[in-house]
C-alpha atoms as a PDB file:
ATOM      1  CA  UNK A   1      -0.002  -0.001   0.008  1.00  0.00           C
ATOM      2  CA  UNK A   2       1.504   3.354  -1.017  1.00  0.00           C
ATOM      3  CA  UNK A   3       1.844   6.245   1.435  1.00  0.00           C
ATOM      4  CA  UNK A   4      -0.094   9.427   0.437  1.00  0.00           C
ATOM      5  CA  UNK A   5       1.487  11.717   2.860  1.00  0.00           C
ATOM      6  CA  UNK A   6       4.132  14.031   1.719  1.00  0.00           C
ATOM      7  CA  UNK A   7       7.462  12.311   0.894  1.00  0.00           C
ATOM      8  CA  UNK A   8      10.593  14.283  -0.206  1.00  0.00           C
ATOM      9  CA  UNK A   9      12.978  17.035   0.376  1.00  0.00           C
ATOM     10  CA  UNK A  10      12.347  20.646   0.766  1.00  0.00           C
ATOM     11  CA  UNK A  11      14.982  23.499   0.589  1.00  0.00           C
ATOM     12  CA  UNK A  12      13.867  26.468   2.837  1.00  0.00           C
ATOM     13  CA  UNK A  13      15.089  29.857   3.320  1.00  0.00           C
ATOM     14  CA  UNK A  14      15.067  30.255   6.960  1.00  0.00           C
ATOM     15  CA  UNK A  15      14.073  33.572   8.224  1.00  0.00           C
ATOM     16  CA  UNK A  16      15.873  35.482  10.952  1.00  0.00           C
ATOM     17  CA  UNK A  17      14.582  35.213  14.421  1.00  0.00           C
ATOM     18  CA  UNK A  18      13.013  31.722  14.058  1.00  0.00           C
ATOM     19  CA  UNK A  19      14.761  28.699  15.354  1.00  0.00           C
ATOM     20  CA  UNK A  20      15.315  25.712  13.053  1.00  0.00           C
ATOM     21  CA  UNK A  21      12.752  23.759  15.250  1.00  0.00           C
ATOM     22  CA  UNK A  22      10.382  26.596  14.675  1.00  0.00           C
ATOM     23  CA  UNK A  23      10.783  26.160  10.955  1.00  0.00           C
ATOM     24  CA  UNK A  24      10.017  22.299  11.306  1.00  0.00           C
ATOM     25  CA  UNK A  25       6.931  23.150  13.335  1.00  0.00           C
ATOM     26  CA  UNK A  26       5.695  25.568  10.480  1.00  0.00           C
ATOM     27  CA  UNK A  27       6.480  23.026   7.760  1.00  0.00           C
ATOM     28  CA  UNK A  28       4.342  20.318   9.822  1.00  0.00           C
ATOM     29  CA  UNK A  29       1.304  22.771   9.762  1.00  0.00           C
ATOM     30  CA  UNK A  30       1.892  23.816   6.086  1.00  0.00           C
ATOM     31  CA  UNK A  31       2.026  20.225   4.605  1.00  0.00           C
ATOM     32  CA  UNK A  32      -0.189  18.684   7.177  1.00  0.00           C
ATOM     33  CA  UNK A  33       2.183  16.099   8.358  1.00  0.00           C
ATOM     34  CA  UNK A  34       4.077  15.214  11.536  1.00  0.00           C
ATOM     35  CA  UNK A  35       7.150  13.505  10.133  1.00  0.00           C
ATOM     36  CA  UNK A  36       9.351  16.433   9.354  1.00  0.00           C
ATOM     37  CA  UNK A  37      13.109  16.845  10.275  1.00  0.00           C
ATOM     38  CA  UNK A  38      15.940  18.978   9.022  1.00  0.00           C
ATOM     39  CA  UNK A  39      19.671  18.454   8.117  1.00  0.00           C
ATOM     40  CA  UNK A  40      21.556  20.812  10.245  1.00  0.00           C
ATOM     41  CA  UNK A  41      20.610  23.481  12.735  1.00  0.00           C
ATOM     42  CA  UNK A  42      20.866  27.215  11.939  1.00  0.00           C
ATOM     43  CA  UNK A  43      21.061  29.636  14.798  1.00  0.00           C
ATOM     44  CA  UNK A  44      17.923  31.787  15.353  1.00  0.00           C
ATOM     45  CA  UNK A  45      19.828  35.002  14.109  1.00  0.00           C
ATOM     46  CA  UNK A  46      20.969  33.094  10.949  1.00  0.00           C
ATOM     47  CA  UNK A  47      19.133  32.979   7.773  1.00  0.00           C
ATOM     48  CA  UNK A  48      19.393  30.884   4.582  1.00  0.00           C
ATOM     49  CA  UNK A  49      19.444  27.266   3.304  1.00  0.00           C
ATOM     50  CA  UNK A  50      17.848  24.798   5.620  1.00  0.00           C
ATOM     51  CA  UNK A  51      17.266  21.321   4.224  1.00  0.00           C
ATOM     52  CA  UNK A  52      14.106  19.506   5.415  1.00  0.00           C
ATOM     53  CA  UNK A  53      12.882  15.947   4.879  1.00  0.00           C
ATOM     54  CA  UNK A  54       9.312  15.077   4.954  1.00  0.00           C
ATOM     55  CA  UNK A  55       8.083  11.382   5.230  1.00  0.00           C
ATOM     56  CA  UNK A  56      10.635   9.021   4.209  1.00  0.00           C
ATOM     57  CA  UNK A  57      12.857  12.062   3.422  1.00  0.00           C
ATOM     58  CA  UNK A  58      13.799  12.265   7.009  1.00  0.00           C
ATOM     59  CA  UNK A  59      15.775   9.085   6.500  1.00  0.00           C
ATOM     60  CA  UNK A  60      17.832  10.710   3.905  1.00  0.00           C
ATOM     61  CA  UNK A  61      18.831  13.612   6.045  1.00  0.00           C
ATOM     62  CA  UNK A  62      21.593  11.567   7.803  1.00  0.00           C
ATOM     63  CA  UNK A  63      23.558  11.512   4.540  1.00  0.00           C
ATOM     64  CA  UNK A  64      22.903  15.275   3.934  1.00  0.00           C
ATOM     65  CA  UNK A  65      23.989  16.373   7.340  1.00  0.00           C
ATOM     66  CA  UNK A  66      27.672  15.677   6.643  1.00  0.00           C
ATOM     67  CA  UNK A  67      28.112  17.642   3.471  1.00  0.00           C
ATOM     68  CA  UNK A  68      30.007  20.894   3.186  1.00  0.00           C
ATOM     69  CA  UNK A  69      28.364  24.337   3.579  1.00  0.00           C
ATOM     70  CA  UNK A  70      28.922  27.949   2.430  1.00  0.00           C
ATOM     71  CA  UNK A  71      28.141  30.973   4.577  1.00  0.00           C
ATOM     72  CA  UNK A  72      28.070  34.645   4.085  1.00  0.00           C
ATOM     73  CA  UNK A  73      28.816  36.419   7.449  1.00  0.00           C
ATOM     74  CA  UNK A  74      29.633  39.766   8.925  1.00  0.00           C
ATOM     75  CA  UNK A  75      32.256  39.661  11.694  1.00  0.00           C
ATOM     76  CA  UNK A  76      32.305  42.653  14.069  1.00  0.00           C
ATOM     77  CA  UNK A  77      35.654  43.325  15.478  1.00  0.00           C
ATOM     78  CA  UNK A  78      35.872  45.423  18.708  1.00  0.00           C
ATOM     79  CA  UNK A  79      33.626  43.536  21.050  1.00  0.00           C
ATOM     80  CA  UNK A  80      32.526  40.011  22.049  1.00  0.00           C
ATOM     81  CA  UNK A  81      29.382  38.391  23.330  1.00  0.00           C
ATOM     82  CA  UNK A  82      28.648  35.443  25.513  1.00  0.00           C
ATOM     83  CA  UNK A  83      27.216  33.676  22.484  1.00  0.00           C
ATOM     84  CA  UNK A  84      29.832  34.807  20.031  1.00  0.00           C
ATOM     85  CA  UNK A  85      27.098  36.266  17.851  1.00  0.00           C
ATOM     86  CA  UNK A  86      24.356  39.078  18.167  1.00  0.00           C
ATOM     87  CA  UNK A  87      21.979  36.890  19.965  1.00  0.00           C
ATOM     88  CA  UNK A  88      23.480  38.307  23.162  1.00  0.00           C
ATOM     89  CA  UNK A  89      24.869  41.631  24.229  1.00  0.00           C
ATOM     90  CA  UNK A  90      28.451  42.595  24.051  1.00  0.00           C
ATOM     91  CA  UNK A  91      30.145  42.193  27.381  1.00  0.00           C
ATOM     92  CA  UNK A  92      33.889  42.707  26.427  1.00  0.00           C
ATOM     93  CA  UNK A  93      35.357  45.643  24.402  1.00  0.00           C
ATOM     94  CA  UNK A  94      38.704  46.455  22.857  1.00  0.00           C
ATOM     95  CA  UNK A  95      40.813  49.245  23.855  1.00  0.00           C
ATOM     96  CA  UNK A  96      40.600  52.101  21.241  1.00  0.00           C
ATOM     97  CA  UNK A  97      44.371  51.910  20.618  1.00  0.00           C
ATOM     98  CA  UNK A  98      44.215  48.225  19.839  1.00  0.00           C
ATOM     99  CA  UNK A  99      41.299  48.622  17.547  1.00  0.00           C
ATOM    100  CA  UNK A 100      43.085  51.560  15.721  1.00  0.00           C
ATOM    101  CA  UNK A 101      45.996  49.281  15.092  1.00  0.00           C
ATOM    102  CA  UNK A 102      43.928  46.786  12.891  1.00  0.00           C
ATOM    103  CA  UNK A 103      44.135  47.356   9.287  1.00  0.00           C
ATOM    104  CA  UNK A 104      43.408  45.406   6.112  1.00  0.00           C
ATOM    105  CA  UNK A 105      46.721  43.345   6.330  1.00  0.00           C
ATOM    106  CA  UNK A 106      46.272  42.192   9.841  1.00  0.00           C
ATOM    107  CA  UNK A 107      42.646  41.228   9.207  1.00  0.00           C
ATOM    108  CA  UNK A 108      43.693  39.205   6.086  1.00  0.00           C
ATOM    109  CA  UNK A 109      46.473  37.555   8.078  1.00  0.00           C
ATOM    110  CA  UNK A 110      44.123  36.535  10.746  1.00  0.00           C
ATOM    111  CA  UNK A 111      41.636  35.061   8.269  1.00  0.00           C
ATOM    112  CA  UNK A 112      44.494  33.179   6.421  1.00  0.00           C
ATOM    113  CA  UNK A 113      45.400  31.351   9.745  1.00  0.00           C
ATOM    114  CA  UNK A 114      42.097  29.755   9.728  1.00  0.00           C
ATOM    115  CA  UNK A 115      42.179  28.362   6.278  1.00  0.00           C
ATOM    116  CA  UNK A 116      42.504  24.551   5.812  1.00  0.00           C
ATOM    117  CA  UNK A 117      42.185  21.868   8.492  1.00  0.00           C
ATOM    118  CA  UNK A 118      41.949  23.538  11.846  1.00  0.00           C
ATOM    119  CA  UNK A 119      41.273  22.329  15.469  1.00  0.00           C
ATOM    120  CA  UNK A 120      38.248  24.526  16.450  1.00  0.00           C
ATOM    121  CA  UNK A 121      36.819  24.871  19.907  1.00  0.00           C
ATOM    122  CA  UNK A 122      33.087  25.330  19.454  1.00  0.00           C
ATOM    123  CA  UNK A 123      31.169  28.159  20.952  1.00  0.00           C
ATOM    124  CA  UNK A 124      30.240  27.144  24.617  1.00  0.00           C
ATOM    125  CA  UNK A 125      26.588  28.353  23.995  1.00  0.00           C
ATOM    126  CA  UNK A 126      25.920  25.472  21.491  1.00  0.00           C
ATOM    127  CA  UNK A 127      23.837  22.339  21.233  1.00  0.00           C
ATOM    128  CA  UNK A 128      26.897  20.121  21.790  1.00  0.00           C
ATOM    129  CA  UNK A 129      26.081  17.661  24.645  1.00  0.00           C
ATOM    130  CA  UNK A 130      28.402  17.501  27.619  1.00  0.00           C
ATOM    131  CA  UNK A 131      27.551  14.432  29.750  1.00  0.00           C
ATOM    132  CA  UNK A 132      24.197  14.130  28.305  1.00  0.00           C
ATOM    133  CA  UNK A 133      23.270  17.762  28.712  1.00  0.00           C
ATOM    134  CA  UNK A 134      23.310  20.550  26.078  1.00  0.00           C
ATOM    135  CA  UNK A 135      26.346  22.792  26.448  1.00  0.00           C
ATOM    136  CA  UNK A 136      24.035  25.992  26.286  1.00  0.00           C
ATOM    137  CA  UNK A 137      21.924  24.630  29.041  1.00  0.00           C
ATOM    138  CA  UNK A 138      25.011  24.282  31.365  1.00  0.00           C
ATOM    139  CA  UNK A 139      26.138  27.742  30.425  1.00  0.00           C
ATOM    140  CA  UNK A 140      22.758  29.317  31.230  1.00  0.00           C
ATOM    141  CA  UNK A 141      22.841  27.282  34.590  1.00  0.00           C
ATOM    142  CA  UNK A 142      26.005  29.308  35.460  1.00  0.00           C
ATOM    143  CA  UNK A 143      28.660  26.541  34.621  1.00  0.00           C
ATOM    144  CA  UNK A 144      31.821  27.448  33.073  1.00  0.00           C
ATOM    145  CA  UNK A 145      31.751  25.205  30.127  1.00  0.00           C
ATOM    146  CA  UNK A 146      35.144  24.266  28.253  1.00  0.00           C
ATOM    147  CA  UNK A 147      34.362  22.305  25.134  1.00  0.00           C
ATOM    148  CA  UNK A 148      37.107  20.173  23.411  1.00  0.00           C
ATOM    149  CA  UNK A 149      38.490  21.235  20.076  1.00  0.00           C
ATOM    150  CA  UNK A 150      37.443  19.353  17.091  1.00  0.00           C
ATOM    151  CA  UNK A 151      39.131  19.053  13.641  1.00  0.00           C
ATOM    152  CA  UNK A 152      37.202  20.956  10.843  1.00  0.00           C
ATOM    153  CA  UNK A 153      38.159  21.929   7.359  1.00  0.00           C
ATOM    154  CA  UNK A 154      37.848  25.508   5.989  1.00  0.00           C
ATOM    155  CA  UNK A 155      38.269  25.021   2.341  1.00  0.00           C
ATOM    156  CA  UNK A 156      37.807  28.658   1.475  1.00  0.00           C
ATOM    157  CA  UNK A 157      37.648  31.886   3.627  1.00  0.00           C
ATOM    158  CA  UNK A 158      37.692  35.116   1.919  1.00  0.00           C
ATOM    159  CA  UNK A 159      37.381  38.683   2.892  1.00  0.00           C
ATOM    160  CA  UNK A 160      34.597  40.427   0.819  1.00  0.00           C
ATOM    161  CA  UNK A 161      34.776  44.018   2.488  1.00  0.00           C
ATOM    162  CA  UNK A 162      36.118  45.634   5.571  1.00  0.00           C
ATOM    163  CA  UNK A 163      34.328  48.729   6.877  1.00  0.00           C
ATOM    164  CA  UNK A 164      36.379  50.758   9.348  1.00  0.00           C
ATOM    165  CA  UNK A 165      34.620  52.559  12.019  1.00  0.00           C
ATOM    166  CA  UNK A 166      37.266  52.443  14.945  1.00  0.00           C
ATOM    167  CA  UNK A 167      36.038  55.822  16.186  1.00  0.00           C
ATOM    168  CA  UNK A 168      32.612  54.132  16.808  1.00  0.00           C
ATOM    169  CA  UNK A 169      34.189  51.192  18.568  1.00  0.00           C
ATOM    170  CA  UNK A 170      34.134  48.495  15.730  1.00  0.00           C
ATOM    171  CA  UNK A 171      35.353  47.213  12.418  1.00  0.00           C
ATOM    172  CA  UNK A 172      32.941  45.077  10.232  1.00  0.00           C
ATOM    173  CA  UNK A 173      34.260  42.511   8.080  1.00  0.00           C
ATOM    174  CA  UNK A 174      32.137  40.757   5.436  1.00  0.00           C
ATOM    175  CA  UNK A 175      33.358  37.269   4.646  1.00  0.00           C
ATOM    176  CA  UNK A 176      32.468  34.129   2.630  1.00  0.00           C
ATOM    177  CA  UNK A 177      33.258  30.740   4.258  1.00  0.00           C
ATOM    178  CA  UNK A 178      33.353  27.249   2.699  1.00  0.00           C
ATOM    179  CA  UNK A 179      33.606  24.692   5.360  1.00  0.00           C
ATOM    180  CA  UNK A 180      33.026  21.173   6.590  1.00  0.00           C
ATOM    181  CA  UNK A 181      29.991  20.095   8.429  1.00  0.00           C
ATOM    182  CA  UNK A 182      30.377  20.911  12.312  1.00  0.00           C
ATOM    183  CA  UNK A 183      32.151  24.263  11.768  1.00  0.00           C
ATOM    184  CA  UNK A 184      31.072  27.126  13.787  1.00  0.00           C
ATOM    185  CA  UNK A 185      31.351  30.286  11.853  1.00  0.00           C
ATOM    186  CA  UNK A 186      30.775  32.448  15.081  1.00  0.00           C
ATOM    187  CA  UNK A 187      33.827  30.605  16.462  1.00  0.00           C
ATOM    188  CA  UNK A 188      35.720  31.948  13.619  1.00  0.00           C
ATOM    189  CA  UNK A 189      34.582  35.433  14.420  1.00  0.00           C
ATOM    190  CA  UNK A 190      35.763  34.841  18.098  1.00  0.00           C
ATOM    191  CA  UNK A 191      39.099  33.425  17.230  1.00  0.00           C
ATOM    192  CA  UNK A 192      39.915  36.209  14.646  1.00  0.00           C
ATOM    193  CA  UNK A 193      38.953  38.872  17.238  1.00  0.00           C
ATOM    194  CA  UNK A 194      41.149  37.114  19.795  1.00  0.00           C
ATOM    195  CA  UNK A 195      44.060  36.781  17.405  1.00  0.00           C
ATOM    196  CA  UNK A 196      43.920  40.560  16.617  1.00  0.00           C
ATOM    197  CA  UNK A 197      43.515  41.340  20.447  1.00  0.00           C
ATOM    198  CA  UNK A 198      40.402  43.217  19.885  1.00  0.00           C
ATOM    199  CA  UNK A 199      37.568  40.567  20.526  1.00  0.00           C
ATOM    200  CA  UNK A 200      35.054  39.645  17.816  1.00  0.00           C
ATOM    201  CA  UNK A 201      31.496  38.248  17.236  1.00  0.00           C
ATOM    202  CA  UNK A 202      29.089  37.736  14.318  1.00  0.00           C
ATOM    203  CA  UNK A 203      26.421  40.281  13.520  1.00  0.00           C
ATOM    204  CA  UNK A 204      24.968  38.546  10.422  1.00  0.00           C
ATOM    205  CA  UNK A 205      25.082  34.963   9.033  1.00  0.00           C
ATOM    206  CA  UNK A 206      23.375  33.535   5.933  1.00  0.00           C
ATOM    207  CA  UNK A 207      23.935  29.968   4.797  1.00  0.00           C
ATOM    208  CA  UNK A 208      23.898  30.110   0.929  1.00  0.00           C
ATOM    209  CA  UNK A 209      24.691  26.430   0.265  1.00  0.00           C
ATOM    210  CA  UNK A 210      24.211  22.988   1.775  1.00  0.00           C
ATOM    211  CA  UNK A 211      26.065  20.512  -0.495  1.00  0.00           C
ATOM    212  CA  UNK A 212      24.648  21.048  -3.951  1.00  0.00           C
ATOM    213  CA  UNK A 213      21.392  22.603  -2.337  1.00  0.00           C
ATOM    214  CA  UNK A 214      21.510  26.286  -3.197  1.00  0.00           C
ATOM    215  CA  UNK A 215      19.510  29.435  -2.131  1.00  0.00           C
ATOM    216  CA  UNK A 216      18.045  29.898  -5.572  1.00  0.00           C
ATOM    217  CA  UNK A 217      16.139  26.600  -4.826  1.00  0.00           C
ATOM    218  CA  UNK A 218      14.962  27.611  -1.557  1.00  0.00           C
ATOM    219  CA  UNK A 219      11.169  28.275  -0.720  1.00  0.00           C
ATOM    220  CA  UNK A 220      10.297  31.328   1.528  1.00  0.00           C
ATOM    221  CA  UNK A 221       7.933  30.373   4.263  1.00  0.00           C
ATOM    222  CA  UNK A 222       4.892  32.543   3.755  1.00  0.00           C
ATOM    223  CA  UNK A 223       3.089  34.593   6.407  1.00  0.00           C
ATOM    224  CA  UNK A 224      -0.182  32.761   5.694  1.00  0.00           C
ATOM    225  CA  UNK A 225       0.273  28.873   5.942  1.00  0.00           C
ATOM    226  CA  UNK A 226      -3.089  28.713   3.998  1.00  0.00           C
ATOM    227  CA  UNK A 227      -1.029  29.250   0.781  1.00  0.00           C
ATOM    228  CA  UNK A 228      -0.584  26.046  -1.152  1.00  0.00           C
ATOM    229  CA  UNK A 229       2.483  24.257  -0.278  1.00  0.00           C
ATOM    230  CA  UNK A 230       4.885  23.920  -3.137  1.00  0.00           C
ATOM    231  CA  UNK A 231       5.925  20.423  -4.612  1.00  0.00           C
ATOM    232  CA  UNK A 232       8.642  18.692  -2.820  1.00  0.00           C
ATOM    233  CA  UNK A 233      11.898  17.303  -4.492  1.00  0.00           C
ATOM    234  CA  UNK A 234      11.776  13.617  -4.875  1.00  0.00           C
ATOM    235  CA  UNK A 235      14.073  11.516  -2.855  1.00  0.00           C
ATOM    236  CA  UNK A 236      15.724  10.254  -6.054  1.00  0.00           C
ATOM    237  CA  UNK A 237      16.320  13.812  -7.415  1.00  0.00           C
ATOM    238  CA  UNK A 238      17.690  14.779  -3.982  1.00  0.00           C
ATOM    239  CA  UNK A 239      19.894  11.851  -3.711  1.00  0.00           C
ATOM    240  CA  UNK A 240      21.485  12.351  -7.146  1.00  0.00           C
ATOM    241  CA  UNK A 241      22.750  15.684  -5.748  1.00  0.00           C
ATOM    242  CA  UNK A 242      25.172  14.279  -3.265  1.00  0.00           C
ATOM    243  CA  UNK A 243      25.632  10.533  -3.984  1.00  0.00           C
ATOM    244  CA  UNK A 244      26.838   8.416  -6.782  1.00  0.00           C
ATOM    245  CA  UNK A 245      23.875   6.636  -8.404  1.00  0.00           C
ATOM    246  CA  UNK A 246      23.352   3.010  -9.418  1.00  0.00           C
ATOM    247  CA  UNK A 247      20.157   1.509 -10.968  1.00  0.00           C
ATOM    248  CA  UNK A 248      18.674  -1.733 -10.447  1.00  0.00           C
ATOM    249  CA  UNK A 249      15.577  -3.695 -11.656  1.00  0.00           C
ATOM    250  CA  UNK A 250      12.397  -4.410  -9.611  1.00  0.00           C
ATOM    251  CA  UNK A 251      13.633  -7.864  -8.315  1.00  0.00           C
ATOM    252  CA  UNK A 252      16.941  -6.383  -7.141  1.00  0.00           C
ATOM    253  CA  UNK A 253      15.104  -3.378  -5.500  1.00  0.00           C
ATOM    254  CA  UNK A 254      12.960  -5.914  -3.591  1.00  0.00           C
ATOM    255  CA  UNK A 255      15.932  -7.815  -2.538  1.00  0.00           C
ATOM    256  CA  UNK A 256      17.646  -4.802  -1.220  1.00  0.00           C
ATOM    257  CA  UNK A 257      14.683  -3.700   0.888  1.00  0.00           C
ATOM    258  CA  UNK A 258      14.660  -7.333   2.328  1.00  0.00           C
ATOM    259  CA  UNK A 259      18.283  -6.797   3.488  1.00  0.00           C
ATOM    260  CA  UNK A 260      19.765  -9.154   0.815  1.00  0.00           C
ATOM    261  CA  UNK A 261      23.023  -8.534  -1.147  1.00  0.00           C
ATOM    262  CA  UNK A 262      22.642  -7.581  -4.891  1.00  0.00           C
ATOM    263  CA  UNK A 263      25.722  -9.083  -6.807  1.00  0.00           C
ATOM    264  CA  UNK A 264      27.710  -6.831  -9.025  1.00  0.00           C
ATOM    265  CA  UNK A 265      26.228  -8.282 -12.218  1.00  0.00           C
ATOM    266  CA  UNK A 266      22.663  -7.028 -11.218  1.00  0.00           C
ATOM    267  CA  UNK A 267      23.444  -3.236 -11.064  1.00  0.00           C
ATOM    268  CA  UNK A 268      24.404  -0.590 -13.427  1.00  0.00           C
ATOM    269  CA  UNK A 269      26.236   2.687 -12.892  1.00  0.00           C
ATOM    270  CA  UNK A 270      23.955   5.664 -13.672  1.00  0.00           C
ATOM    271  CA  UNK A 271      26.703   8.304 -13.232  1.00  0.00           C
ATOM    272  CA  UNK A 272      28.990  10.358 -15.552  1.00  0.00           C
ATOM    273  CA  UNK A 273      31.812   8.424 -16.836  1.00  0.00           C
ATOM    274  CA  UNK A 274      34.313  10.322 -14.839  1.00  0.00           C
ATOM    275  CA  UNK A 275      32.835   9.376 -11.536  1.00  0.00           C
ATOM    276  CA  UNK A 276      34.275   6.655  -9.625  1.00  0.00           C
ATOM    277  CA  UNK A 277      31.214   4.511  -9.495  1.00  0.00           C
ATOM    278  CA  UNK A 278      31.044   4.455 -13.232  1.00  0.00           C
ATOM    279  CA  UNK A 279      34.700   3.325 -13.369  1.00  0.00           C
ATOM    280  CA  UNK A 280      33.943   0.519 -10.844  1.00  0.00           C
ATOM    281  CA  UNK A 281      36.284   2.142  -8.265  1.00  0.00           C
ATOM    282  CA  UNK A 282      33.798   2.581  -5.324  1.00  0.00           C
ATOM    283  CA  UNK A 283      34.978   0.456  -2.590  1.00  0.00           C
ATOM    284  CA  UNK A 284      33.075   0.474   0.626  1.00  0.00           C
ATOM    285  CA  UNK A 285      31.329   3.673  -0.721  1.00  0.00           C
ATOM    286  CA  UNK A 286      27.821   4.734  -0.310  1.00  0.00           C
ATOM    287  CA  UNK A 287      25.552   5.114  -3.381  1.00  0.00           C
ATOM    288  CA  UNK A 288      22.057   5.800  -4.048  1.00  0.00           C
ATOM    289  CA  UNK A 289      20.107   2.947  -5.551  1.00  0.00           C
ATOM    290  CA  UNK A 290      17.357   3.885  -7.914  1.00  0.00           C
ATOM    291  CA  UNK A 291      14.672   1.781  -9.647  1.00  0.00           C
ATOM    292  CA  UNK A 292      12.293   3.367 -12.177  1.00  0.00           C
ATOM    293  CA  UNK A 293      13.347   6.759 -10.915  1.00  0.00           C
ATOM    294  CA  UNK A 294      12.480   5.953  -7.285  1.00  0.00           C
ATOM    295  CA  UNK A 295      14.977   5.816  -4.479  1.00  0.00           C
ATOM    296  CA  UNK A 296      15.170   2.333  -3.135  1.00  0.00           C
ATOM    297  CA  UNK A 297      18.047   2.731  -0.692  1.00  0.00           C
ATOM    298  CA  UNK A 298      21.308   4.056   0.230  1.00  0.00           C
ATOM    299  CA  UNK A 299      23.567   1.098  -0.175  1.00  0.00           C
ATOM    300  CA  UNK A 300      27.192   0.161   0.243  1.00  0.00           C
ATOM    301  CA  UNK A 301      29.343  -1.148  -2.531  1.00  0.00           C
ATOM    302  CA  UNK A 302      31.197  -3.961  -1.039  1.00  0.00           C
ATOM    303  CA  UNK A 303      34.732  -5.120  -2.154  1.00  0.00           C
ATOM    304  CA  UNK A 304      33.275  -7.749  -4.378  1.00  0.00           C
ATOM    305  CA  UNK A 305      31.043  -5.347  -6.174  1.00  0.00           C
ATOM    306  CA  UNK A 306      27.909  -6.473  -4.402  1.00  0.00           C
ATOM    307  CA  UNK A 307      25.359  -3.955  -2.984  1.00  0.00           C
ATOM    308  CA  UNK A 308      24.151  -4.032   0.519  1.00  0.00           C
ATOM    309  CA  UNK A 309      21.378  -1.837   1.753  1.00  0.00           C
ATOM    310  CA  UNK A 310      22.320   0.681   4.551  1.00  0.00           C
ATOM    311  CA  UNK A 311      19.014   2.502   4.626  1.00  0.00           C
ATOM    312  CA  UNK A 312      16.021   1.212   2.755  1.00  0.00           C
ATOM    313  CA  UNK A 313      13.185   3.309   1.800  1.00  0.00           C
ATOM    314  CA  UNK A 314       9.784   1.517   2.131  1.00  0.00           C
ATOM    315  CA  UNK A 315       8.296   1.940  -1.357  1.00  0.00           C
ATOM    316  CA  UNK A 316       5.551   0.246  -3.518  1.00  0.00           C
ATOM    317  CA  UNK A 317       7.199  -1.419  -6.423  1.00  0.00           C
ATOM    318  CA  UNK A 318       3.911  -3.026  -7.795  1.00  0.00           C
END
């Protein structure tokens, strides 16, 4: 029996001031379904690409969460806040002489230090769990939380514009950041401010990309949820954007959903010839398995070329 409830992926442009959970709640009402999740939190002050899964699309979110992301941000040098962003008030301020010593070359040098693989200490006011409790909850309870550094990759970190207003106690730096999942852009602002000896925090953050999901695909939440909800991206279309694809027949699709292994002779690469899967080079790699333009599963290509389902999507193949 087929499921008539909404199934698929929605790329949303999250508005400022609304939490990611708040977006999920609105999408549930808009589409009339309870099964909605997102592929990576955006802070309330942030805007931009938030990828949501509805119905079976929630299963696909696991594989979207770890993709790289792009952010446009404004770093304010000259003060810091407890949250490292504009969601809290500044509590430390740079000495005027120190701020006046900052120029374009020193900002560029501080940014350059944070390119590539770095060990980043996340912001203490974050959703990271410490002994089973969210770090932000411990901070709000008055605890002094010291999080461990984690390795992240900053593949690109470019200064777009610098606006000097030292006489007003700040310098604003617009940047664009391409980074791995798990990177805290507000921690980059904090660390640049500390490196320059003038403190720093974010005043604006907009996520422009999650993997191959871009802002130009994003839907704006309407003020009136009585507006007709747009069509969702199919699971097959979404999976093609971030996973190599193989195709199988109905019998093989059924076998995969039953947890059986499909032999190398029974699947076909459905990818550009330049891709590793088309060349038969995928070893222990994850692929999207598609049958008749329907996503059957995310599977692993084993060393012998066989396919074994990692996450099956219950579908009607009749």
